[in-house]
C-alpha atoms as a PDB file:
ATOM      1  CA  UNK A   1      -8.951 -26.918 -41.737  1.00  0.00           C
ATOM      2  CA  UNK A   2      -9.138 -23.367 -43.059  1.00  0.00           C
ATOM      3  CA  UNK A   3      -6.441 -20.724 -42.915  1.00  0.00           C
ATOM      4  CA  UNK A   4      -6.104 -19.472 -39.346  1.00  0.00           C
ATOM      5  CA  UNK A   5      -8.159 -22.306 -37.804  1.00  0.00           C
ATOM      6  CA  UNK A   6      -6.920 -24.251 -34.788  1.00  0.00           C
ATOM      7  CA  UNK A   7      -4.672 -27.192 -35.585  1.00  0.00           C
ATOM      8  CA  UNK A   8      -5.242 -30.517 -33.837  1.00  0.00           C
ATOM      9  CA  UNK A   9      -2.335 -29.845 -31.475  1.00  0.00           C
ATOM     10  CA  UNK A  10      -3.622 -26.366 -30.598  1.00  0.00           C
ATOM     11  CA  UNK A  11      -7.119 -27.680 -30.027  1.00  0.00           C
ATOM     12  CA  UNK A  12      -5.844 -30.360 -27.632  1.00  0.00           C
ATOM     13  CA  UNK A  13      -4.090 -27.674 -25.597  1.00  0.00           C
ATOM     14  CA  UNK A  14      -7.349 -25.743 -25.166  1.00  0.00           C
ATOM     15  CA  UNK A  15      -9.931 -28.527 -24.934  1.00  0.00           C
ATOM     16  CA  UNK A  16      -9.338 -29.544 -21.266  1.00  0.00           C
ATOM     17  CA  UNK A  17     -10.033 -25.996 -20.032  1.00  0.00           C
ATOM     18  CA  UNK A  18     -13.183 -25.156 -21.993  1.00  0.00           C
ATOM     19  CA  UNK A  19     -16.558 -24.800 -20.223  1.00  0.00           C
ATOM     20  CA  UNK A  20     -18.801 -27.860 -20.271  1.00  0.00           C
ATOM     21  CA  UNK A  21     -22.570 -27.555 -20.728  1.00  0.00           C
ATOM     22  CA  UNK A  22     -24.894 -29.255 -18.229  1.00  0.00           C
ATOM     23  CA  UNK A  23     -27.472 -29.594 -21.056  1.00  0.00           C
ATOM     24  CA  UNK A  24     -30.234 -27.973 -18.963  1.00  0.00           C
ATOM     25  CA  UNK A  25     -30.454 -25.095 -21.485  1.00  0.00           C
ATOM     26  CA  UNK A  26     -29.879 -27.104 -24.631  1.00  0.00           C
ATOM     27  CA  UNK A  27     -26.812 -28.528 -26.250  1.00  0.00           C
ATOM     28  CA  UNK A  28     -23.914 -26.242 -27.091  1.00  0.00           C
ATOM     29  CA  UNK A  29     -22.623 -26.088 -30.645  1.00  0.00           C
ATOM     30  CA  UNK A  30     -19.173 -27.657 -31.029  1.00  0.00           C
ATOM     31  CA  UNK A  31     -16.583 -25.465 -29.288  1.00  0.00           C
ATOM     32  CA  UNK A  32     -13.930 -25.988 -31.937  1.00  0.00           C
ATOM     33  CA  UNK A  33     -16.156 -24.812 -34.772  1.00  0.00           C
ATOM     34  CA  UNK A  34     -17.242 -21.718 -32.840  1.00  0.00           C
ATOM     35  CA  UNK A  35     -13.686 -20.850 -31.722  1.00  0.00           C
ATOM     36  CA  UNK A  36     -12.516 -21.098 -35.319  1.00  0.00           C
ATOM     37  CA  UNK A  37     -15.286 -18.646 -36.243  1.00  0.00           C
ATOM     38  CA  UNK A  38     -14.250 -16.257 -33.471  1.00  0.00           C
ATOM     39  CA  UNK A  39     -10.582 -16.416 -34.503  1.00  0.00           C
ATOM     40  CA  UNK A  40     -11.552 -15.842 -38.144  1.00  0.00           C
ATOM     41  CA  UNK A  41     -13.414 -12.695 -37.165  1.00  0.00           C
ATOM     42  CA  UNK A  42     -10.536 -11.517 -34.912  1.00  0.00           C
ATOM     43  CA  UNK A  43      -7.988 -12.103 -37.673  1.00  0.00           C
ATOM     44  CA  UNK A  44      -9.925 -10.557 -40.562  1.00  0.00           C
ATOM     45  CA  UNK A  45     -12.162  -7.979 -38.841  1.00  0.00           C
ATOM     46  CA  UNK A  46     -15.153  -9.196 -40.865  1.00  0.00           C
ATOM     47  CA  UNK A  47     -18.645  -8.335 -39.632  1.00  0.00           C
ATOM     48  CA  UNK A  48     -20.387 -11.157 -37.796  1.00  0.00           C
ATOM     49  CA  UNK A  49     -23.154 -11.471 -40.372  1.00  0.00           C
ATOM     50  CA  UNK A  50     -20.535 -12.048 -43.094  1.00  0.00           C
ATOM     51  CA  UNK A  51     -18.845 -15.043 -41.451  1.00  0.00           C
ATOM     52  CA  UNK A  52     -18.526 -18.067 -43.770  1.00  0.00           C
ATOM     53  CA  UNK A  53     -21.218 -20.693 -43.303  1.00  0.00           C
ATOM     54  CA  UNK A  54     -18.703 -23.345 -42.247  1.00  0.00           C
ATOM     55  CA  UNK A  55     -18.523 -21.688 -38.816  1.00  0.00           C
ATOM     56  CA  UNK A  56     -22.238 -22.170 -38.182  1.00  0.00           C
ATOM     57  CA  UNK A  57     -24.768 -19.462 -37.265  1.00  0.00           C
ATOM     58  CA  UNK A  58     -23.059 -16.091 -36.950  1.00  0.00           C
ATOM     59  CA  UNK A  59     -25.122 -15.182 -33.901  1.00  0.00           C
ATOM     60  CA  UNK A  60     -23.856 -18.265 -32.062  1.00  0.00           C
ATOM     61  CA  UNK A  61     -20.279 -17.172 -32.759  1.00  0.00           C
ATOM     62  CA  UNK A  62     -20.986 -13.642 -31.575  1.00  0.00           C
ATOM     63  CA  UNK A  63     -22.836 -14.686 -28.406  1.00  0.00           C
ATOM     64  CA  UNK A  64     -20.152 -17.210 -27.437  1.00  0.00           C
ATOM     65  CA  UNK A  65     -17.463 -14.560 -27.826  1.00  0.00           C
ATOM     66  CA  UNK A  66     -19.483 -12.014 -25.854  1.00  0.00           C
ATOM     67  CA  UNK A  67     -20.173 -14.489 -23.061  1.00  0.00           C
ATOM     68  CA  UNK A  68     -16.578 -15.653 -22.788  1.00  0.00           C
ATOM     69  CA  UNK A  69     -15.372 -12.048 -22.787  1.00  0.00           C
ATOM     70  CA  UNK A  70     -17.753 -11.262 -19.922  1.00  0.00           C
ATOM     71  CA  UNK A  71     -17.159 -14.277 -17.671  1.00  0.00           C
ATOM     72  CA  UNK A  72     -13.354 -14.396 -18.027  1.00  0.00           C
ATOM     73  CA  UNK A  73     -13.106 -17.555 -20.147  1.00  0.00           C
ATOM     74  CA  UNK A  74     -10.688 -15.988 -22.646  1.00  0.00           C
ATOM     75  CA  UNK A  75      -8.533 -14.703 -19.806  1.00  0.00           C
ATOM     76  CA  UNK A  76      -8.588 -18.094 -18.111  1.00  0.00           C
ATOM     77  CA  UNK A  77      -7.548 -19.879 -21.323  1.00  0.00           C
ATOM     78  CA  UNK A  78      -4.670 -17.447 -21.791  1.00  0.00           C
ATOM     79  CA  UNK A  79      -3.496 -17.976 -18.216  1.00  0.00           C
ATOM     80  CA  UNK A  80      -3.615 -21.750 -18.585  1.00  0.00           C
ATOM     81  CA  UNK A  81      -1.520 -21.661 -21.770  1.00  0.00           C
ATOM     82  CA  UNK A  82       0.929 -19.328 -20.030  1.00  0.00           C
ATOM     83  CA  UNK A  83       1.096 -21.699 -17.056  1.00  0.00           C
ATOM     84  CA  UNK A  84       1.937 -24.629 -19.339  1.00  0.00           C
ATOM     85  CA  UNK A  85       4.712 -22.590 -20.968  1.00  0.00           C
ATOM     86  CA  UNK A  86       6.115 -21.490 -17.597  1.00  0.00           C
ATOM     87  CA  UNK A  87       6.135 -25.085 -16.321  1.00  0.00           C
ATOM     88  CA  UNK A  88       8.601 -25.998 -19.076  1.00  0.00           C
ATOM     89  CA  UNK A  89      10.701 -22.840 -18.631  1.00  0.00           C
ATOM     90  CA  UNK A  90       9.588 -21.237 -21.899  1.00  0.00           C
ATOM     91  CA  UNK A  91       8.726 -17.780 -20.466  1.00  0.00           C
ATOM     92  CA  UNK A  92      11.428 -15.113 -20.450  1.00  0.00           C
ATOM     93  CA  UNK A  93      10.609 -13.111 -17.333  1.00  0.00           C
ATOM     94  CA  UNK A  94      12.594 -10.036 -18.441  1.00  0.00           C
ATOM     95  CA  UNK A  95       9.405  -8.212 -19.372  1.00  0.00           C
ATOM     96  CA  UNK A  96       8.544  -4.856 -20.925  1.00  0.00           C
ATOM     97  CA  UNK A  97       5.519  -2.577 -20.541  1.00  0.00           C
ATOM     98  CA  UNK A  98       3.999  -0.150 -23.039  1.00  0.00           C
ATOM     99  CA  UNK A  99       0.727   0.878 -24.680  1.00  0.00           C
ATOM    100  CA  UNK A 100      -0.608   1.428 -28.174  1.00  0.00           C
ATOM    101  CA  UNK A 101      -3.321   3.622 -29.640  1.00  0.00           C
ATOM    102  CA  UNK A 102      -6.094   1.856 -31.563  1.00  0.00           C
ATOM    103  CA  UNK A 103      -8.379   3.769 -33.899  1.00  0.00           C
ATOM    104  CA  UNK A 104     -12.031   3.127 -33.115  1.00  0.00           C
ATOM    105  CA  UNK A 105     -14.314   2.535 -36.080  1.00  0.00           C
ATOM    106  CA  UNK A 106     -17.631   4.388 -36.199  1.00  0.00           C
ATOM    107  CA  UNK A 107     -19.337   1.047 -35.474  1.00  0.00           C
ATOM    108  CA  UNK A 108     -17.690   1.091 -32.015  1.00  0.00           C
ATOM    109  CA  UNK A 109     -19.795   4.102 -31.003  1.00  0.00           C
ATOM    110  CA  UNK A 110     -23.350   4.009 -29.721  1.00  0.00           C
ATOM    111  CA  UNK A 111     -23.236   1.457 -26.899  1.00  0.00           C
ATOM    112  CA  UNK A 112     -26.088   1.708 -24.422  1.00  0.00           C
ATOM    113  CA  UNK A 113     -25.382   3.790 -21.357  1.00  0.00           C
ATOM    114  CA  UNK A 114     -26.725   1.124 -19.002  1.00  0.00           C
ATOM    115  CA  UNK A 115     -24.056  -1.291 -17.719  1.00  0.00           C
ATOM    116  CA  UNK A 116     -24.051  -4.730 -19.384  1.00  0.00           C
ATOM    117  CA  UNK A 117     -25.832  -7.513 -17.468  1.00  0.00           C
ATOM    118  CA  UNK A 118     -23.867  -9.938 -15.364  1.00  0.00           C
ATOM    119  CA  UNK A 119     -23.158 -13.272 -17.089  1.00  0.00           C
ATOM    120  CA  UNK A 120     -25.505 -16.088 -16.150  1.00  0.00           C
ATOM    121  CA  UNK A 121     -24.221 -18.230 -13.284  1.00  0.00           C
ATOM    122  CA  UNK A 122     -26.658 -21.140 -13.497  1.00  0.00           C
ATOM    123  CA  UNK A 123     -27.992 -23.268 -16.286  1.00  0.00           C
ATOM    124  CA  UNK A 124     -25.451 -22.435 -18.968  1.00  0.00           C
ATOM    125  CA  UNK A 125     -22.411 -24.428 -17.989  1.00  0.00           C
ATOM    126  CA  UNK A 126     -20.884 -26.638 -15.315  1.00  0.00           C
ATOM    127  CA  UNK A 127     -17.792 -25.270 -13.617  1.00  0.00           C
ATOM    128  CA  UNK A 128     -15.233 -28.053 -13.347  1.00  0.00           C
ATOM    129  CA  UNK A 129     -12.207 -28.185 -11.000  1.00  0.00           C
ATOM    130  CA  UNK A 130      -9.054 -26.709 -12.494  1.00  0.00           C
ATOM    131  CA  UNK A 131     -10.821 -24.857 -15.299  1.00  0.00           C
ATOM    132  CA  UNK A 132     -11.859 -21.815 -13.294  1.00  0.00           C
ATOM    133  CA  UNK A 133      -9.343 -21.514 -10.490  1.00  0.00           C
ATOM    134  CA  UNK A 134      -7.596 -18.494 -12.037  1.00  0.00           C
ATOM    135  CA  UNK A 135     -10.320 -16.235 -13.437  1.00  0.00           C
ATOM    136  CA  UNK A 136     -13.834 -16.260 -12.006  1.00  0.00           C
ATOM    137  CA  UNK A 137     -17.047 -14.908 -13.578  1.00  0.00           C
ATOM    138  CA  UNK A 138     -17.688 -11.251 -12.850  1.00  0.00           C
ATOM    139  CA  UNK A 139     -19.909  -8.439 -14.008  1.00  0.00           C
ATOM    140  CA  UNK A 140     -18.235  -6.932 -17.074  1.00  0.00           C
ATOM    141  CA  UNK A 141     -17.255  -3.254 -16.781  1.00  0.00           C
ATOM    142  CA  UNK A 142     -18.809  -0.605 -18.969  1.00  0.00           C
ATOM    143  CA  UNK A 143     -21.838   1.614 -19.262  1.00  0.00           C
ATOM    144  CA  UNK A 144     -22.145   5.332 -18.768  1.00  0.00           C
ATOM    145  CA  UNK A 145     -21.194   6.397 -22.270  1.00  0.00           C
ATOM    146  CA  UNK A 146     -18.038   6.227 -24.349  1.00  0.00           C
ATOM    147  CA  UNK A 147     -15.709   6.818 -21.392  1.00  0.00           C
ATOM    148  CA  UNK A 148     -17.059   3.797 -19.579  1.00  0.00           C
ATOM    149  CA  UNK A 149     -16.406   1.647 -22.654  1.00  0.00           C
ATOM    150  CA  UNK A 150     -12.767   2.669 -23.062  1.00  0.00           C
ATOM    151  CA  UNK A 151     -13.414   5.145 -25.874  1.00  0.00           C
ATOM    152  CA  UNK A 152     -12.125   8.700 -25.981  1.00  0.00           C
ATOM    153  CA  UNK A 153     -10.533  11.471 -27.970  1.00  0.00           C
ATOM    154  CA  UNK A 154      -6.807  11.831 -28.555  1.00  0.00           C
ATOM    155  CA  UNK A 155      -4.564  13.201 -31.292  1.00  0.00           C
ATOM    156  CA  UNK A 156      -5.616  10.244 -33.414  1.00  0.00           C
ATOM    157  CA  UNK A 157      -9.297  11.132 -33.107  1.00  0.00           C
ATOM    158  CA  UNK A 158     -11.826   8.606 -31.796  1.00  0.00           C
ATOM    159  CA  UNK A 159      -9.536   6.082 -30.147  1.00  0.00           C
ATOM    160  CA  UNK A 160      -9.017   3.490 -27.457  1.00  0.00           C
ATOM    161  CA  UNK A 161      -5.722   2.531 -25.836  1.00  0.00           C
ATOM    162  CA  UNK A 162      -4.393  -0.961 -25.207  1.00  0.00           C
ATOM    163  CA  UNK A 163      -1.948  -1.234 -22.282  1.00  0.00           C
ATOM    164  CA  UNK A 164       0.069  -4.434 -22.069  1.00  0.00           C
ATOM    165  CA  UNK A 165       3.092  -6.248 -20.722  1.00  0.00           C
ATOM    166  CA  UNK A 166       5.073  -8.781 -22.745  1.00  0.00           C
ATOM    167  CA  UNK A 167       7.709 -11.386 -21.966  1.00  0.00           C
ATOM    168  CA  UNK A 168      11.124 -11.550 -23.618  1.00  0.00           C
ATOM    169  CA  UNK A 169       9.721 -13.653 -26.466  1.00  0.00           C
ATOM    170  CA  UNK A 170       7.260 -10.958 -27.590  1.00  0.00           C
ATOM    171  CA  UNK A 171       4.142 -12.582 -26.135  1.00  0.00           C
ATOM    172  CA  UNK A 172       1.535 -10.567 -24.186  1.00  0.00           C
ATOM    173  CA  UNK A 173       1.290 -11.383 -20.483  1.00  0.00           C
ATOM    174  CA  UNK A 174      -1.506  -8.976 -19.480  1.00  0.00           C
ATOM    175  CA  UNK A 175      -3.849  -6.553 -21.247  1.00  0.00           C
ATOM    176  CA  UNK A 176      -5.950  -3.560 -20.155  1.00  0.00           C
ATOM    177  CA  UNK A 177      -8.235  -1.334 -22.260  1.00  0.00           C
ATOM    178  CA  UNK A 178      -8.766   2.377 -21.539  1.00  0.00           C
ATOM    179  CA  UNK A 179      -9.828   5.498 -23.396  1.00  0.00           C
ATOM    180  CA  UNK A 180      -7.341   6.799 -25.945  1.00  0.00           C
ATOM    181  CA  UNK A 181      -6.374   9.925 -23.981  1.00  0.00           C
ATOM    182  CA  UNK A 182      -5.491   8.057 -20.779  1.00  0.00           C
ATOM    183  CA  UNK A 183      -1.840   8.475 -19.739  1.00  0.00           C
ATOM    184  CA  UNK A 184       0.350   5.370 -19.833  1.00  0.00           C
ATOM    185  CA  UNK A 185       1.661   5.748 -16.279  1.00  0.00           C
ATOM    186  CA  UNK A 186      -1.853   5.606 -14.760  1.00  0.00           C
ATOM    187  CA  UNK A 187      -2.189   1.963 -15.868  1.00  0.00           C
ATOM    188  CA  UNK A 188       1.342   0.863 -14.950  1.00  0.00           C
ATOM    189  CA  UNK A 189       0.370  -0.746 -11.656  1.00  0.00           C
ATOM    190  CA  UNK A 190      -2.860  -2.415 -12.947  1.00  0.00           C
ATOM    191  CA  UNK A 191      -0.988  -3.936 -15.919  1.00  0.00           C
ATOM    192  CA  UNK A 192       1.677  -5.472 -13.674  1.00  0.00           C
ATOM    193  CA  UNK A 193      -0.820  -6.683 -11.075  1.00  0.00           C
ATOM    194  CA  UNK A 194      -2.843  -8.424 -13.795  1.00  0.00           C
ATOM    195  CA  UNK A 195       0.068 -10.776 -14.528  1.00  0.00           C
ATOM    196  CA  UNK A 196      -0.997 -14.102 -13.024  1.00  0.00           C
ATOM    197  CA  UNK A 197       0.780 -17.219 -14.298  1.00  0.00           C
ATOM    198  CA  UNK A 198      -0.452 -20.268 -12.414  1.00  0.00           C
ATOM    199  CA  UNK A 199       2.034 -22.845 -11.174  1.00  0.00           C
ATOM    200  CA  UNK A 200       1.639 -26.592 -11.749  1.00  0.00           C
ATOM    201  CA  UNK A 201       0.074 -27.988  -8.601  1.00  0.00           C
ATOM    202  CA  UNK A 202      -0.595 -25.986  -5.410  1.00  0.00           C
ATOM    203  CA  UNK A 203       0.787 -22.535  -4.797  1.00  0.00           C
ATOM    204  CA  UNK A 204       0.093 -18.959  -5.671  1.00  0.00           C
ATOM    205  CA  UNK A 205       0.385 -17.823  -9.302  1.00  0.00           C
ATOM    206  CA  UNK A 206       3.563 -16.031 -10.270  1.00  0.00           C
ATOM    207  CA  UNK A 207       3.169 -12.264 -10.517  1.00  0.00           C
ATOM    208  CA  UNK A 208       6.697 -10.901 -10.157  1.00  0.00           C
ATOM    209  CA  UNK A 209       9.037 -10.612 -13.173  1.00  0.00           C
ATOM    210  CA  UNK A 210      12.814 -10.880 -12.978  1.00  0.00           C
ATOM    211  CA  UNK A 211      13.282  -7.418 -14.472  1.00  0.00           C
ATOM    212  CA  UNK A 212      11.302  -4.743 -16.280  1.00  0.00           C
ATOM    213  CA  UNK A 213      11.993  -2.193 -19.010  1.00  0.00           C
ATOM    214  CA  UNK A 214       9.779   0.754 -19.925  1.00  0.00           C
ATOM    215  CA  UNK A 215      10.092   4.064 -21.764  1.00  0.00           C
ATOM    216  CA  UNK A 216      10.020   7.631 -20.409  1.00  0.00           C
ATOM    217  CA  UNK A 217       6.230   7.642 -20.128  1.00  0.00           C
ATOM    218  CA  UNK A 218       6.659   5.611 -16.928  1.00  0.00           C
ATOM    219  CA  UNK A 219       9.524   7.708 -15.535  1.00  0.00           C
ATOM    220  CA  UNK A 220       7.949   9.172 -12.421  1.00  0.00           C
ATOM    221  CA  UNK A 221       8.183   8.761  -8.679  1.00  0.00           C
ATOM    222  CA  UNK A 222       5.101   6.574  -8.067  1.00  0.00           C
ATOM    223  CA  UNK A 223       6.108   4.028 -10.739  1.00  0.00           C
ATOM    224  CA  UNK A 224       9.680   3.747  -9.473  1.00  0.00           C
ATOM    225  CA  UNK A 225       8.521   3.569  -5.849  1.00  0.00           C
ATOM    226  CA  UNK A 226       6.086   0.768  -6.718  1.00  0.00           C
ATOM    227  CA  UNK A 227       8.855  -1.232  -8.399  1.00  0.00           C
ATOM    228  CA  UNK A 228      11.250  -0.698  -5.497  1.00  0.00           C
ATOM    229  CA  UNK A 229       8.583  -1.778  -2.999  1.00  0.00           C
ATOM    230  CA  UNK A 230       8.067  -5.031  -4.920  1.00  0.00           C
ATOM    231  CA  UNK A 231      11.804  -5.577  -5.380  1.00  0.00           C
ATOM    232  CA  UNK A 232      11.635  -5.566  -9.190  1.00  0.00           C
ATOM    233  CA  UNK A 233      14.814  -4.567 -11.021  1.00  0.00           C
ATOM    234  CA  UNK A 234      13.929  -2.011 -13.646  1.00  0.00           C
ATOM    235  CA  UNK A 235      15.391   0.085 -16.453  1.00  0.00           C
ATOM    236  CA  UNK A 236      13.495   3.301 -17.177  1.00  0.00           C
ATOM    237  CA  UNK A 237      15.230   6.326 -18.716  1.00  0.00           C
ATOM    238  CA  UNK A 238      15.015   9.598 -16.825  1.00  0.00           C
ATOM    239  CA  UNK A 239      13.053  12.444 -18.393  1.00  0.00           C
ATOM    240  CA  UNK A 240      15.043  15.501 -19.436  1.00  0.00           C
ATOM    241  CA  UNK A 241      13.019  17.898 -17.269  1.00  0.00           C
ATOM    242  CA  UNK A 242      13.322  15.573 -14.257  1.00  0.00           C
ATOM    243  CA  UNK A 243      17.066  15.391 -14.752  1.00  0.00           C
ATOM    244  CA  UNK A 244      17.318  19.202 -14.970  1.00  0.00           C
ATOM    245  CA  UNK A 245      15.238  19.636 -11.806  1.00  0.00           C
ATOM    246  CA  UNK A 246      17.420  17.147  -9.932  1.00  0.00           C
ATOM    247  CA  UNK A 247      20.620  18.903 -11.021  1.00  0.00           C
ATOM    248  CA  UNK A 248      19.266  22.295  -9.957  1.00  0.00           C
ATOM    249  CA  UNK A 249      18.807  20.990  -6.426  1.00  0.00           C
ATOM    250  CA  UNK A 250      22.443  19.968  -6.209  1.00  0.00           C
ATOM    251  CA  UNK A 251      23.171  17.453  -3.462  1.00  0.00           C
ATOM    252  CA  UNK A 252      19.555  17.696  -2.280  1.00  0.00           C
ATOM    253  CA  UNK A 253      18.416  16.296  -5.633  1.00  0.00           C
ATOM    254  CA  UNK A 254      19.790  12.860  -4.824  1.00  0.00           C
ATOM    255  CA  UNK A 255      21.502  10.374  -7.080  1.00  0.00           C
ATOM    256  CA  UNK A 256      20.298   9.682 -10.626  1.00  0.00           C
ATOM    257  CA  UNK A 257      18.225   6.517 -11.084  1.00  0.00           C
ATOM    258  CA  UNK A 258      20.123   3.499 -12.352  1.00  0.00           C
ATOM    259  CA  UNK A 259      19.926   2.819 -16.066  1.00  0.00           C
ATOM    260  CA  UNK A 260      21.190  -0.294 -17.864  1.00  0.00           C
ATOM    261  CA  UNK A 261      21.611   0.625 -21.528  1.00  0.00           C
ATOM    262  CA  UNK A 262      22.122  -2.988 -22.650  1.00  0.00           C
ATOM    263  CA  UNK A 263      18.963  -4.132 -20.836  1.00  0.00           C
ATOM    264  CA  UNK A 264      16.989  -1.255 -22.329  1.00  0.00           C
ATOM    265  CA  UNK A 265      17.800  -2.505 -25.815  1.00  0.00           C
ATOM    266  CA  UNK A 266      15.548  -5.498 -25.114  1.00  0.00           C
ATOM    267  CA  UNK A 267      12.548  -3.183 -24.802  1.00  0.00           C
ATOM    268  CA  UNK A 268      11.896  -3.761 -28.497  1.00  0.00           C
ATOM    269  CA  UNK A 269      10.141  -6.981 -27.442  1.00  0.00           C
ATOM    270  CA  UNK A 270       7.055  -5.007 -26.388  1.00  0.00           C
ATOM    271  CA  UNK A 271       6.956  -3.202 -29.735  1.00  0.00           C
ATOM    272  CA  UNK A 272       7.145  -6.521 -31.561  1.00  0.00           C
ATOM    273  CA  UNK A 273       4.399  -7.940 -29.329  1.00  0.00           C
ATOM    274  CA  UNK A 274       2.182  -4.977 -30.272  1.00  0.00           C
ATOM    275  CA  UNK A 275       2.926  -5.603 -33.948  1.00  0.00           C
ATOM    276  CA  UNK A 276       1.895  -9.238 -33.526  1.00  0.00           C
ATOM    277  CA  UNK A 277      -1.361  -8.235 -31.882  1.00  0.00           C
ATOM    278  CA  UNK A 278      -2.122  -5.729 -34.626  1.00  0.00           C
ATOM    279  CA  UNK A 279      -1.698  -8.392 -37.287  1.00  0.00           C
ATOM    280  CA  UNK A 280      -5.249  -9.211 -36.142  1.00  0.00           C
ATOM    281  CA  UNK A 281      -7.440  -6.640 -37.856  1.00  0.00           C
ATOM    282  CA  UNK A 282     -10.157  -6.628 -35.206  1.00  0.00           C
ATOM    283  CA  UNK A 283      -7.439  -5.576 -32.730  1.00  0.00           C
ATOM    284  CA  UNK A 284      -5.740  -3.002 -34.986  1.00  0.00           C
ATOM    285  CA  UNK A 285      -9.127  -1.300 -35.507  1.00  0.00           C
ATOM    286  CA  UNK A 286     -11.753  -1.470 -32.795  1.00  0.00           C
ATOM    287  CA  UNK A 287     -15.211  -2.455 -34.019  1.00  0.00           C
ATOM    288  CA  UNK A 288     -16.639  -3.678 -30.675  1.00  0.00           C
ATOM    289  CA  UNK A 289     -19.001  -1.318 -28.888  1.00  0.00           C
ATOM    290  CA  UNK A 290     -18.416  -2.744 -25.428  1.00  0.00           C
ATOM    291  CA  UNK A 291     -15.015  -2.360 -23.815  1.00  0.00           C
ATOM    292  CA  UNK A 292     -15.052  -5.836 -22.258  1.00  0.00           C
ATOM    293  CA  UNK A 293     -15.807  -7.409 -25.647  1.00  0.00           C
ATOM    294  CA  UNK A 294     -12.859  -5.604 -27.242  1.00  0.00           C
ATOM    295  CA  UNK A 295     -10.649  -6.767 -24.371  1.00  0.00           C
ATOM    296  CA  UNK A 296     -11.856 -10.307 -25.096  1.00  0.00           C
ATOM    297  CA  UNK A 297     -10.955  -9.791 -28.767  1.00  0.00           C
ATOM    298  CA  UNK A 298      -7.422  -8.701 -27.837  1.00  0.00           C
ATOM    299  CA  UNK A 299      -7.103 -11.588 -25.368  1.00  0.00           C
ATOM    300  CA  UNK A 300      -8.176 -14.109 -28.032  1.00  0.00           C
ATOM    301  CA  UNK A 301      -5.507 -12.645 -30.345  1.00  0.00           C
ATOM    302  CA  UNK A 302      -2.911 -12.959 -27.559  1.00  0.00           C
ATOM    303  CA  UNK A 303      -4.002 -16.563 -27.034  1.00  0.00           C
ATOM    304  CA  UNK A 304      -3.283 -17.436 -30.669  1.00  0.00           C
ATOM    305  CA  UNK A 305       0.162 -15.820 -30.347  1.00  0.00           C
ATOM    306  CA  UNK A 306       0.957 -18.047 -27.367  1.00  0.00           C
ATOM    307  CA  UNK A 307      -0.367 -21.165 -29.090  1.00  0.00           C
ATOM    308  CA  UNK A 308       1.688 -20.550 -32.246  1.00  0.00           C
ATOM    309  CA  UNK A 309       4.976 -19.330 -30.740  1.00  0.00           C
END
C-alpha cells in the first residue's frame, strides 16, 4: 500500500456501496486500484498523464473520476459514510457554514461551451438496492462559458469559490462550487439543504442541525428568516451598519438578534475543515475545467477526511 492509499479497513467501508458492472460493456478495472489513483491525484495535484503506473492506465483513472463526479457516486459514498457515523452518534450536529476562495490554474480555463453529456444510464453498471437511494444519476451542470463552470474573477484573480458546511469535528457535510465573485449569503440556503445524512433503516435523511454558527457574511434578513422558519438555533454576529440602522429607528428598529459568544467560538471548526480540504492540492488549486468534476474532486477529499477521522 502506497502513501495515501486506502487501508483495508477503509476499503471495506466503501466496497458495499460501489457500482457493480453488468459486464455488457466489458469488465471494469479493479475499483480499489482506480480509487487509489484518484486519491493520489487529488492529494498531490499531479496531471493525469503523470500518474504512477501502479494505478493502471491514467485515462481509466480520469474517466472513472469524471463519471462518478457526473452521476453522483462520490456524493453517494460520502453520504453513506456520514450515515454510518451518525448511526453510532459520531456526528456533532452543532455545525458551521462558510466559504473559501480557490485559485484556478490556467489549465482550468477553456472548457467547451456546450453542456456536458448526461451520464450513461444503461450498459455501464447495475444499480443495486441501497447503493443509490440517496443520490441518483443526473445531468451534470455546466456549459455556457466560465460562469457556467463555477469560474470567475475576484480580488484573487481567476478563482472559484467552495461553499461548505462542517460538523463540530471539522468534517465537511455538504459542498457547493460557484464562481469566485459570488457572495456567500446567496449559497446559504443551498448549502444547508444539501445536507442529507441517511438514517439506518426506513425514514427520511436528517437535514436539520442542532445549531448553526456563521460569520457576518450571512448576517441578513433572508438568512435569519430561513433559519427561524426551520427552527434552527443560530449564532450570527450583527453587521455594524445593520446595528446602526436599527438604533436610528429607535423602538421601531426592534430588538437586536440573539448572539451566543461562547457558541460562536466553536465556529473555528469550519476554518479547520477548510484547512483539511486544502491539504489536498487538487482542491487548494483548481485544475479541473468542468465545475462538476472539481466538485467531485472536493467531495473525494471530504470522503477521505471522514474515513480517516
